[in-house]
């Protein structure tokens, strides 16, 4: 098993915000995650998330997020830590 760590921007639409997707991510996939930053308004939610786990599991988790209406984009390390 190859370990994978990715830092991501998750952008939630109004509809996706109403779902407990981060909770379900933890329950459905064997990954560890850290929320580095979050901003939520009525129109949109954005989370800077670091996900760690087996490479294939991380890929499946990202696909699952996208299938549930979350826009997933890679983030630069300096943005989270800066």
C-alpha atoms as a PDB file:
ATOM      1  CA  UNK A   1       0.000   0.000   0.000  1.00  0.00           C
ATOM      2  CA  UNK A   2       1.381   3.348  -1.047  1.00  0.00           C
ATOM      3  CA  UNK A   3       0.654   6.224   1.319  1.00  0.00           C
ATOM      4  CA  UNK A   4      -0.746   9.386  -0.192  1.00  0.00           C
ATOM      5  CA  UNK A   5      -1.171  12.854   1.311  1.00  0.00           C
ATOM      6  CA  UNK A   6      -3.042  15.520  -0.621  1.00  0.00           C
ATOM      7  CA  UNK A   7      -4.014  19.057   0.236  1.00  0.00           C
ATOM      8  CA  UNK A   8      -7.240  20.105  -1.393  1.00  0.00           C
ATOM      9  CA  UNK A   9      -9.709  22.944  -1.709  1.00  0.00           C
ATOM     10  CA  UNK A  10     -13.243  21.619  -1.402  1.00  0.00           C
ATOM     11  CA  UNK A  11     -15.945  23.953  -2.736  1.00  0.00           C
ATOM     12  CA  UNK A  12     -19.497  23.104  -1.690  1.00  0.00           C
ATOM     13  CA  UNK A  13     -22.576  24.363  -3.504  1.00  0.00           C
ATOM     14  CA  UNK A  14     -25.626  25.313  -1.456  1.00  0.00           C
ATOM     15  CA  UNK A  15     -27.078  21.842  -2.042  1.00  0.00           C
ATOM     16  CA  UNK A  16     -23.855  20.027  -1.095  1.00  0.00           C
ATOM     17  CA  UNK A  17     -23.559  22.147   2.088  1.00  0.00           C
ATOM     18  CA  UNK A  18     -26.766  20.574   3.391  1.00  0.00           C
ATOM     19  CA  UNK A  19     -25.228  17.075   3.374  1.00  0.00           C
ATOM     20  CA  UNK A  20     -22.900  15.716   6.110  1.00  0.00           C
ATOM     21  CA  UNK A  21     -20.234  14.911   3.519  1.00  0.00           C
ATOM     22  CA  UNK A  22     -17.135  15.311   5.711  1.00  0.00           C
ATOM     23  CA  UNK A  23     -18.671  13.022   8.329  1.00  0.00           C
ATOM     24  CA  UNK A  24     -19.573  10.489   5.632  1.00  0.00           C
ATOM     25  CA  UNK A  25     -16.048  10.763   4.193  1.00  0.00           C
ATOM     26  CA  UNK A  26     -14.649   9.690   7.564  1.00  0.00           C
ATOM     27  CA  UNK A  27     -17.144   6.837   7.880  1.00  0.00           C
ATOM     28  CA  UNK A  28     -16.902   5.490   4.328  1.00  0.00           C
ATOM     29  CA  UNK A  29     -13.169   5.738   3.620  1.00  0.00           C
ATOM     30  CA  UNK A  30     -10.135   4.726   5.624  1.00  0.00           C
ATOM     31  CA  UNK A  31      -8.464   8.136   5.459  1.00  0.00           C
ATOM     32  CA  UNK A  32      -7.228  10.659   7.963  1.00  0.00           C
ATOM     33  CA  UNK A  33      -8.015  14.288   7.342  1.00  0.00           C
ATOM     34  CA  UNK A  34      -7.217  17.669   8.798  1.00  0.00           C
ATOM     35  CA  UNK A  35      -9.282  20.777   8.169  1.00  0.00           C
ATOM     36  CA  UNK A  36      -6.839  23.679   7.826  1.00  0.00           C
ATOM     37  CA  UNK A  37      -9.311  26.423   6.976  1.00  0.00           C
ATOM     38  CA  UNK A  38     -13.001  26.835   6.240  1.00  0.00           C
ATOM     39  CA  UNK A  39     -15.354  29.569   5.109  1.00  0.00           C
ATOM     40  CA  UNK A  40     -19.097  29.104   4.827  1.00  0.00           C
ATOM     41  CA  UNK A  41     -21.763  31.488   3.551  1.00  0.00           C
ATOM     42  CA  UNK A  42     -25.359  30.902   2.480  1.00  0.00           C
ATOM     43  CA  UNK A  43     -24.226  30.543  -1.136  1.00  0.00           C
ATOM     44  CA  UNK A  44     -21.037  28.486  -0.821  1.00  0.00           C
ATOM     45  CA  UNK A  45     -18.695  26.662   1.517  1.00  0.00           C
ATOM     46  CA  UNK A  46     -14.944  26.293   1.029  1.00  0.00           C
ATOM     47  CA  UNK A  47     -12.695  23.986   3.048  1.00  0.00           C
ATOM     48  CA  UNK A  48      -8.910  23.561   2.881  1.00  0.00           C
ATOM     49  CA  UNK A  49      -8.512  19.863   3.678  1.00  0.00           C
ATOM     50  CA  UNK A  50      -5.493  17.583   3.945  1.00  0.00           C
ATOM     51  CA  UNK A  51      -6.320  13.925   3.245  1.00  0.00           C
ATOM     52  CA  UNK A  52      -3.968  11.054   4.025  1.00  0.00           C
ATOM     53  CA  UNK A  53      -4.250   7.334   3.401  1.00  0.00           C
ATOM     54  CA  UNK A  54      -3.635   4.575   0.888  1.00  0.00           C
ATOM     55  CA  UNK A  55      -3.276   6.124  -2.583  1.00  0.00           C
ATOM     56  CA  UNK A  56      -6.198   4.176  -4.069  1.00  0.00           C
ATOM     57  CA  UNK A  57      -8.464   4.960  -1.113  1.00  0.00           C
ATOM     58  CA  UNK A  58      -7.646   8.683  -1.366  1.00  0.00           C
ATOM     59  CA  UNK A  59      -8.451   8.605  -5.099  1.00  0.00           C
ATOM     60  CA  UNK A  60     -11.779   6.876  -4.419  1.00  0.00           C
ATOM     61  CA  UNK A  61     -12.609   9.397  -1.685  1.00  0.00           C
ATOM     62  CA  UNK A  62     -11.955  12.305  -4.074  1.00  0.00           C
ATOM     63  CA  UNK A  63     -14.112  10.702  -6.766  1.00  0.00           C
ATOM     64  CA  UNK A  64     -16.876  10.190  -4.189  1.00  0.00           C
ATOM     65  CA  UNK A  65     -16.718  13.851  -3.134  1.00  0.00           C
ATOM     66  CA  UNK A  66     -17.008  14.954  -6.778  1.00  0.00           C
ATOM     67  CA  UNK A  67     -19.949  12.603  -7.326  1.00  0.00           C
ATOM     68  CA  UNK A  68     -21.651  14.290  -4.379  1.00  0.00           C
ATOM     69  CA  UNK A  69     -21.399  17.787  -5.847  1.00  0.00           C
ATOM     70  CA  UNK A  70     -18.118  18.967  -4.325  1.00  0.00           C
ATOM     71  CA  UNK A  71     -15.587  20.734  -6.520  1.00  0.00           C
ATOM     72  CA  UNK A  72     -12.142  19.372  -5.592  1.00  0.00           C
ATOM     73  CA  UNK A  73      -8.963  21.278  -6.507  1.00  0.00           C
ATOM     74  CA  UNK A  74      -5.343  20.825  -5.401  1.00  0.00           C
ATOM     75  CA  UNK A  75      -3.954  23.540  -3.146  1.00  0.00           C
ATOM     76  CA  UNK A  76      -0.468  24.916  -2.743  1.00  0.00           C
ATOM     77  CA  UNK A  77       1.191  24.236   0.622  1.00  0.00           C
ATOM     78  CA  UNK A  78       1.928  27.932   1.165  1.00  0.00           C
ATOM     79  CA  UNK A  79      -1.768  28.811   0.949  1.00  0.00           C
ATOM     80  CA  UNK A  80      -2.721  26.505   3.823  1.00  0.00           C
ATOM     81  CA  UNK A  81       0.284  27.106   6.037  1.00  0.00           C
ATOM     82  CA  UNK A  82       0.802  30.780   5.198  1.00  0.00           C
END
